[in-house]
């Protein structure tokens, strides 16, 4: 399972994976790469839980081992 991560670190890692954004989109922000659109949580003071990071990675089709290497 993924570790807790700050919002800034989440965005940095997605950018390294080729995603653009974050863009405003209704209630939540999103990042996109080609035809993949990933909803990300709004920035808060606390870290994003590992469970939510795992769900976002699943939505993006990114394996945990690639996420951990970045």
PDB file of N, CA and C in Angstrom:
ATOM      1  N   UNK A   1       0.842  -1.188   0.000  1.00  0.00           N
ATOM      2  CA  UNK A   1       0.000   0.000   0.000  1.00  0.00           C
ATOM      3  C   UNK A   1       0.882   1.245   0.000  1.00  0.00           C
ATOM      4  N   UNK A   2       0.353   2.279  -0.571  1.00  0.00           N
ATOM      5  CA  UNK A   2       1.093   3.538  -0.672  1.00  0.00           C
ATOM      6  C   UNK A   2       1.184   4.240   0.679  1.00  0.00           C
ATOM      7  N   UNK A   3       2.178   5.093   0.797  1.00  0.00           N
ATOM      8  CA  UNK A   3       2.376   5.872   2.019  1.00  0.00           C
ATOM      9  C   UNK A   3       1.605   7.183   1.938  1.00  0.00           C
ATOM     10  N   UNK A   4       1.421   7.817   3.091  1.00  0.00           N
ATOM     11  CA  UNK A   4       0.847   9.163   3.111  1.00  0.00           C
ATOM     12  C   UNK A   4       1.794  10.098   2.379  1.00  0.00           C
ATOM     13  N   UNK A   5       1.221  11.077   1.695  1.00  0.00           N
ATOM     14  CA  UNK A   5       2.039  11.993   0.898  1.00  0.00           C
ATOM     15  C   UNK A   5       1.403  13.383   0.965  1.00  0.00           C
ATOM     16  N   UNK A   6       2.242  14.399   0.906  1.00  0.00           N
ATOM     17  CA  UNK A   6       1.715  15.768   0.900  1.00  0.00           C
ATOM     18  C   UNK A   6       1.090  16.062  -0.467  1.00  0.00           C
ATOM     19  N   UNK A   7       0.220  17.045  -0.516  1.00  0.00           N
ATOM     20  CA  UNK A   7      -0.442  17.410  -1.767  1.00  0.00           C
ATOM     21  C   UNK A   7       0.598  17.847  -2.799  1.00  0.00           C
ATOM     22  N   UNK A   8       1.547  18.628  -2.365  1.00  0.00           N
ATOM     23  CA  UNK A   8       2.601  19.123  -3.264  1.00  0.00           C
ATOM     24  C   UNK A   8       3.411  17.968  -3.852  1.00  0.00           C
ATOM     25  N   UNK A   9       3.751  16.980  -3.029  1.00  0.00           N
ATOM     26  CA  UNK A   9       4.514  15.827  -3.499  1.00  0.00           C
ATOM     27  C   UNK A   9       3.691  14.996  -4.488  1.00  0.00           C
ATOM     28  N   UNK A  10       2.395  14.873  -4.229  1.00  0.00           N
ATOM     29  CA  UNK A  10       1.508  14.151  -5.139  1.00  0.00           C
ATOM     30  C   UNK A  10       1.527  14.799  -6.526  1.00  0.00           C
ATOM     31  N   UNK A  11       1.389  16.112  -6.569  1.00  0.00           N
ATOM     32  CA  UNK A  11       1.395  16.844  -7.842  1.00  0.00           C
ATOM     33  C   UNK A  11       2.755  16.704  -8.523  1.00  0.00           C
ATOM     34  N   UNK A  12       3.841  16.819  -7.776  1.00  0.00           N
ATOM     35  CA  UNK A  12       5.182  16.691  -8.352  1.00  0.00           C
ATOM     36  C   UNK A  12       5.378  15.324  -8.996  1.00  0.00           C
ATOM     37  N   UNK A  13       4.942  14.277  -8.319  1.00  0.00           N
ATOM     38  CA  UNK A  13       5.102  12.924  -8.852  1.00  0.00           C
ATOM     39  C   UNK A  13       4.270  12.725 -10.114  1.00  0.00           C
ATOM     40  N   UNK A  14       3.047  13.239 -10.125  1.00  0.00           N
ATOM     41  CA  UNK A  14       2.230  13.110 -11.321  1.00  0.00           C
ATOM     42  C   UNK A  14       2.835  13.882 -12.485  1.00  0.00           C
ATOM     43  N   UNK A  15       3.428  15.019 -12.220  1.00  0.00           N
ATOM     44  CA  UNK A  15       4.097  15.770 -13.291  1.00  0.00           C
ATOM     45  C   UNK A  15       5.275  14.986 -13.848  1.00  0.00           C
ATOM     46  N   UNK A  16       6.022  14.323 -12.985  1.00  0.00           N
ATOM     47  CA  UNK A  16       7.147  13.491 -13.445  1.00  0.00           C
ATOM     48  C   UNK A  16       6.662  12.331 -14.307  1.00  0.00           C
ATOM     49  N   UNK A  17       5.427  11.891 -14.070  1.00  0.00           N
ATOM     50  CA  UNK A  17       4.842  10.813 -14.859  1.00  0.00           C
ATOM     51  C   UNK A  17       4.190  11.320 -16.146  1.00  0.00           C
ATOM     52  N   UNK A  18       4.322  12.609 -16.428  1.00  0.00           N
ATOM     53  CA  UNK A  18       3.835  13.162 -17.686  1.00  0.00           C
ATOM     54  C   UNK A  18       2.461  13.797 -17.628  1.00  0.00           C
ATOM     55  N   UNK A  19       1.911  13.992 -16.439  1.00  0.00           N
ATOM     56  CA  UNK A  19       0.604  14.620 -16.301  1.00  0.00           C
ATOM     57  C   UNK A  19       0.757  16.139 -16.281  1.00  0.00           C
ATOM     58  N   UNK A  20      -0.256  16.833 -16.813  1.00  0.00           N
ATOM     59  CA  UNK A  20      -0.309  18.288 -16.785  1.00  0.00           C
ATOM     60  C   UNK A  20      -1.334  18.724 -15.753  1.00  0.00           C
ATOM     61  N   UNK A  21      -1.165  19.918 -15.223  1.00  0.00           N
ATOM     62  CA  UNK A  21      -2.135  20.450 -14.264  1.00  0.00           C
ATOM     63  C   UNK A  21      -1.455  20.742 -12.954  1.00  0.00           C
ATOM     64  N   UNK A  22      -2.201  20.915 -11.943  1.00  0.00           N
ATOM     65  CA  UNK A  22      -3.629  20.653 -11.792  1.00  0.00           C
ATOM     66  C   UNK A  22      -4.501  21.766 -12.375  1.00  0.00           C
ATOM     67  N   UNK A  23      -5.658  21.349 -12.854  1.00  0.00           N
ATOM     68  CA  UNK A  23      -6.645  22.251 -13.418  1.00  0.00           C
ATOM     69  C   UNK A  23      -7.889  22.251 -12.537  1.00  0.00           C
ATOM     70  N   UNK A  24      -8.606  23.372 -12.542  1.00  0.00           N
ATOM     71  CA  UNK A  24      -9.862  23.463 -11.803  1.00  0.00           C
ATOM     72  C   UNK A  24     -10.931  22.707 -12.577  1.00  0.00           C
ATOM     73  N   UNK A  25     -11.753  21.987 -11.831  1.00  0.00           N
ATOM     74  CA  UNK A  25     -12.811  21.227 -12.496  1.00  0.00           C
ATOM     75  C   UNK A  25     -13.942  20.936 -11.548  1.00  0.00           C
ATOM     76  N   UNK A  26     -14.792  21.884 -11.304  1.00  0.00           N
ATOM     77  CA  UNK A  26     -15.893  21.656 -10.372  1.00  0.00           C
ATOM     78  C   UNK A  26     -15.407  21.757  -8.944  1.00  0.00           C
ATOM     79  N   UNK A  27     -15.708  20.747  -8.161  1.00  0.00           N
ATOM     80  CA  UNK A  27     -15.344  20.769  -6.743  1.00  0.00           C
ATOM     81  C   UNK A  27     -13.903  20.337  -6.481  1.00  0.00           C
ATOM     82  N   UNK A  28     -13.326  19.579  -7.394  1.00  0.00           N
ATOM     83  CA  UNK A  28     -11.970  19.075  -7.190  1.00  0.00           C
ATOM     84  C   UNK A  28     -11.094  19.436  -8.375  1.00  0.00           C
ATOM     85  N   UNK A  29      -9.804  19.416  -8.126  1.00  0.00           N
ATOM     86  CA  UNK A  29      -8.824  19.644  -9.175  1.00  0.00           C
ATOM     87  C   UNK A  29      -8.588  18.341  -9.930  1.00  0.00           C
ATOM     88  N   UNK A  30      -8.031  18.450 -11.123  1.00  0.00           N
ATOM     89  CA  UNK A  30      -7.680  17.245 -11.862  1.00  0.00           C
ATOM     90  C   UNK A  30      -6.388  17.478 -12.615  1.00  0.00           C
ATOM     91  N   UNK A  31      -5.748  16.375 -12.959  1.00  0.00           N
ATOM     92  CA  UNK A  31      -4.549  16.398 -13.789  1.00  0.00           C
ATOM     93  C   UNK A  31      -4.814  15.470 -14.958  1.00  0.00           C
ATOM     94  N   UNK A  32      -4.176  15.743 -16.100  1.00  0.00           N
ATOM     95  CA  UNK A  32      -4.446  14.905 -17.259  1.00  0.00           C
ATOM     96  C   UNK A  32      -3.180  14.608 -18.032  1.00  0.00           C
ATOM     97  N   UNK A  33      -3.232  13.466 -18.709  1.00  0.00           N
ATOM     98  CA  UNK A  33      -2.172  13.023 -19.618  1.00  0.00           C
ATOM     99  C   UNK A  33      -2.876  12.284 -20.746  1.00  0.00           C
ATOM    100  N   UNK A  34      -2.734  12.798 -21.947  1.00  0.00           N
ATOM    101  CA  UNK A  34      -3.406  12.248 -23.127  1.00  0.00           C
ATOM    102  C   UNK A  34      -4.896  12.094 -22.836  1.00  0.00           C
ATOM    103  N   UNK A  35      -5.418  10.863 -22.789  1.00  0.00           N
ATOM    104  CA  UNK A  35      -6.841  10.671 -22.548  1.00  0.00           C
ATOM    105  C   UNK A  35      -7.161  10.243 -21.113  1.00  0.00           C
ATOM    106  N   UNK A  36      -6.177  10.337 -20.215  1.00  0.00           N
ATOM    107  CA  UNK A  36      -6.383   9.973 -18.807  1.00  0.00           C
ATOM    108  C   UNK A  36      -6.589  11.241 -17.990  1.00  0.00           C
ATOM    109  N   UNK A  37      -7.668  11.269 -17.233  1.00  0.00           N
ATOM    110  CA  UNK A  37      -7.980  12.404 -16.358  1.00  0.00           C
ATOM    111  C   UNK A  37      -8.082  11.878 -14.935  1.00  0.00           C
ATOM    112  N   UNK A  38      -7.269  12.412 -14.038  1.00  0.00           N
ATOM    113  CA  UNK A  38      -7.205  11.939 -12.657  1.00  0.00           C
ATOM    114  C   UNK A  38      -7.675  13.048 -11.727  1.00  0.00           C
ATOM    115  N   UNK A  39      -8.683  12.742 -10.928  1.00  0.00           N
ATOM    116  CA  UNK A  39      -9.193  13.690  -9.936  1.00  0.00           C
ATOM    117  C   UNK A  39      -8.257  13.654  -8.739  1.00  0.00           C
ATOM    118  N   UNK A  40      -7.817  14.825  -8.279  1.00  0.00           N
ATOM    119  CA  UNK A  40      -6.967  14.883  -7.093  1.00  0.00           C
ATOM    120  C   UNK A  40      -7.661  15.720  -6.025  1.00  0.00           C
ATOM    121  N   UNK A  41      -7.367  15.457  -4.766  1.00  0.00           N
ATOM    122  CA  UNK A  41      -8.005  16.219  -3.696  1.00  0.00           C
ATOM    123  C   UNK A  41      -7.524  17.665  -3.667  1.00  0.00           C
ATOM    124  N   UNK A  42      -8.340  18.508  -3.102  1.00  0.00           N
ATOM    125  CA  UNK A  42      -7.960  19.904  -2.924  1.00  0.00           C
ATOM    126  C   UNK A  42      -6.854  19.995  -1.878  1.00  0.00           C
ATOM    127  N   UNK A  43      -5.970  20.996  -1.984  1.00  0.00           N
ATOM    128  CA  UNK A  43      -4.889  21.116  -1.001  1.00  0.00           C
ATOM    129  C   UNK A  43      -5.419  21.448   0.386  1.00  0.00           C
ATOM    130  N   UNK A  44      -4.917  20.728   1.371  1.00  0.00           N
ATOM    131  CA  UNK A  44      -5.261  20.952   2.775  1.00  0.00           C
ATOM    132  C   UNK A  44      -3.970  20.974   3.579  1.00  0.00           C
ATOM    133  N   UNK A  45      -4.092  21.161   4.856  1.00  0.00           N
ATOM    134  CA  UNK A  45      -2.913  21.213   5.715  1.00  0.00           C
ATOM    135  C   UNK A  45      -2.343  19.832   6.012  1.00  0.00           C
ATOM    136  N   UNK A  46      -3.188  18.800   5.965  1.00  0.00           N
ATOM    137  CA  UNK A  46      -2.742  17.444   6.298  1.00  0.00           C
ATOM    138  C   UNK A  46      -2.293  16.703   5.045  1.00  0.00           C
ATOM    139  N   UNK A  47      -1.533  15.634   5.271  1.00  0.00           N
ATOM    140  CA  UNK A  47      -1.115  14.775   4.171  1.00  0.00           C
ATOM    141  C   UNK A  47      -2.311  14.001   3.625  1.00  0.00           C
ATOM    142  N   UNK A  48      -2.166  13.516   2.393  1.00  0.00           N
ATOM    143  CA  UNK A  48      -3.177  12.675   1.769  1.00  0.00           C
ATOM    144  C   UNK A  48      -2.902  11.247   2.220  1.00  0.00           C
ATOM    145  N   UNK A  49      -3.937  10.556   2.667  1.00  0.00           N
ATOM    146  CA  UNK A  49      -3.764   9.213   3.217  1.00  0.00           C
ATOM    147  C   UNK A  49      -3.292   8.236   2.146  1.00  0.00           C
ATOM    148  N   UNK A  50      -2.590   7.206   2.596  1.00  0.00           N
ATOM    149  CA  UNK A  50      -2.104   6.177   1.691  1.00  0.00           C
ATOM    150  C   UNK A  50      -3.225   5.476   0.951  1.00  0.00           C
ATOM    151  N   UNK A  51      -4.364   5.307   1.622  1.00  0.00           N
ATOM    152  CA  UNK A  51      -5.518   4.658   0.990  1.00  0.00           C
ATOM    153  C   UNK A  51      -6.015   5.492  -0.185  1.00  0.00           C
ATOM    154  N   UNK A  52      -6.129   6.801  -0.004  1.00  0.00           N
ATOM    155  CA  UNK A  52      -6.591   7.676  -1.083  1.00  0.00           C
ATOM    156  C   UNK A  52      -5.561   7.742  -2.212  1.00  0.00           C
ATOM    157  N   UNK A  53      -4.285   7.755  -1.875  1.00  0.00           N
ATOM    158  CA  UNK A  53      -3.241   7.735  -2.903  1.00  0.00           C
ATOM    159  C   UNK A  53      -3.370   6.463  -3.739  1.00  0.00           C
ATOM    160  N   UNK A  54      -3.611   5.332  -3.086  1.00  0.00           N
ATOM    161  CA  UNK A  54      -3.778   4.064  -3.797  1.00  0.00           C
ATOM    162  C   UNK A  54      -4.972   4.115  -4.743  1.00  0.00           C
ATOM    163  N   UNK A  55      -6.063   4.732  -4.321  1.00  0.00           N
ATOM    164  CA  UNK A  55      -7.243   4.864  -5.179  1.00  0.00           C
ATOM    165  C   UNK A  55      -6.952   5.757  -6.387  1.00  0.00           C
ATOM    166  N   UNK A  56      -6.219   6.831  -6.173  1.00  0.00           N
ATOM    167  CA  UNK A  56      -5.865   7.741  -7.272  1.00  0.00           C
ATOM    168  C   UNK A  56      -4.951   7.021  -8.269  1.00  0.00           C
ATOM    169  N   UNK A  57      -3.993   6.253  -7.761  1.00  0.00           N
ATOM    170  CA  UNK A  57      -3.092   5.503  -8.639  1.00  0.00           C
ATOM    171  C   UNK A  57      -3.862   4.465  -9.442  1.00  0.00           C
ATOM    172  N   UNK A  58      -4.829   3.818  -8.822  1.00  0.00           N
ATOM    173  CA  UNK A  58      -5.662   2.838  -9.513  1.00  0.00           C
ATOM    174  C   UNK A  58      -6.439   3.512 -10.636  1.00  0.00           C
ATOM    175  N   UNK A  59      -6.992   4.679 -10.360  1.00  0.00           N
ATOM    176  CA  UNK A  59      -7.739   5.449 -11.350  1.00  0.00           C
ATOM    177  C   UNK A  59      -6.834   5.820 -12.532  1.00  0.00           C
ATOM    178  N   UNK A  60      -5.580   6.124 -12.252  1.00  0.00           N
ATOM    179  CA  UNK A  60      -4.635   6.538 -13.294  1.00  0.00           C
ATOM    180  C   UNK A  60      -3.970   5.351 -13.985  1.00  0.00           C
ATOM    181  N   UNK A  61      -4.103   4.148 -13.426  1.00  0.00           N
ATOM    182  CA  UNK A  61      -3.456   2.978 -14.001  1.00  0.00           C
ATOM    183  C   UNK A  61      -1.963   2.938 -13.762  1.00  0.00           C
ATOM    184  N   UNK A  62      -1.540   3.483 -12.622  1.00  0.00           N
ATOM    185  CA  UNK A  62      -0.115   3.531 -12.279  1.00  0.00           C
ATOM    186  C   UNK A  62       0.170   2.489 -11.201  1.00  0.00           C
ATOM    187  N   UNK A  63       1.065   1.531 -11.469  1.00  0.00           N
ATOM    188  CA  UNK A  63       1.418   0.536 -10.448  1.00  0.00           C
ATOM    189  C   UNK A  63       2.186   1.169  -9.279  1.00  0.00           C
ATOM    190  N   UNK A  64       2.040   0.573  -8.107  1.00  0.00           N
ATOM    191  CA  UNK A  64       2.711   1.085  -6.902  1.00  0.00           C
ATOM    192  C   UNK A  64       4.226   1.100  -7.045  1.00  0.00           C
ATOM    193  N   UNK A  65       4.796   0.080  -7.707  1.00  0.00           N
ATOM    194  CA  UNK A  65       6.261   0.030  -7.811  1.00  0.00           C
ATOM    195  C   UNK A  65       6.810   1.204  -8.637  1.00  0.00           C
ATOM    196  N   UNK A  66       6.089   1.611  -9.674  1.00  0.00           N
ATOM    197  CA  UNK A  66       6.523   2.789 -10.450  1.00  0.00           C
ATOM    198  C   UNK A  66       6.379   4.048  -9.616  1.00  0.00           C
ATOM    199  N   UNK A  67       5.274   4.167  -8.868  1.00  0.00           N
ATOM    200  CA  UNK A  67       5.029   5.346  -8.010  1.00  0.00           C
ATOM    201  C   UNK A  67       6.139   5.477  -6.972  1.00  0.00           C
ATOM    202  N   UNK A  68       6.554   4.358  -6.385  1.00  0.00           N
ATOM    203  CA  UNK A  68       7.575   4.391  -5.343  1.00  0.00           C
ATOM    204  C   UNK A  68       8.952   4.780  -5.894  1.00  0.00           C
ATOM    205  N   UNK A  69       9.229   4.459  -7.153  1.00  0.00           N
ATOM    206  CA  UNK A  69      10.527   4.782  -7.754  1.00  0.00           C
ATOM    207  C   UNK A  69      10.653   6.264  -8.101  1.00  0.00           C
ATOM    208  N   UNK A  70       9.541   6.933  -8.282  1.00  0.00           N
ATOM    209  CA  UNK A  70       9.560   8.341  -8.720  1.00  0.00           C
ATOM    210  C   UNK A  70       9.814   9.252  -7.551  1.00  0.00           C
TER     211      UNK A  70
END
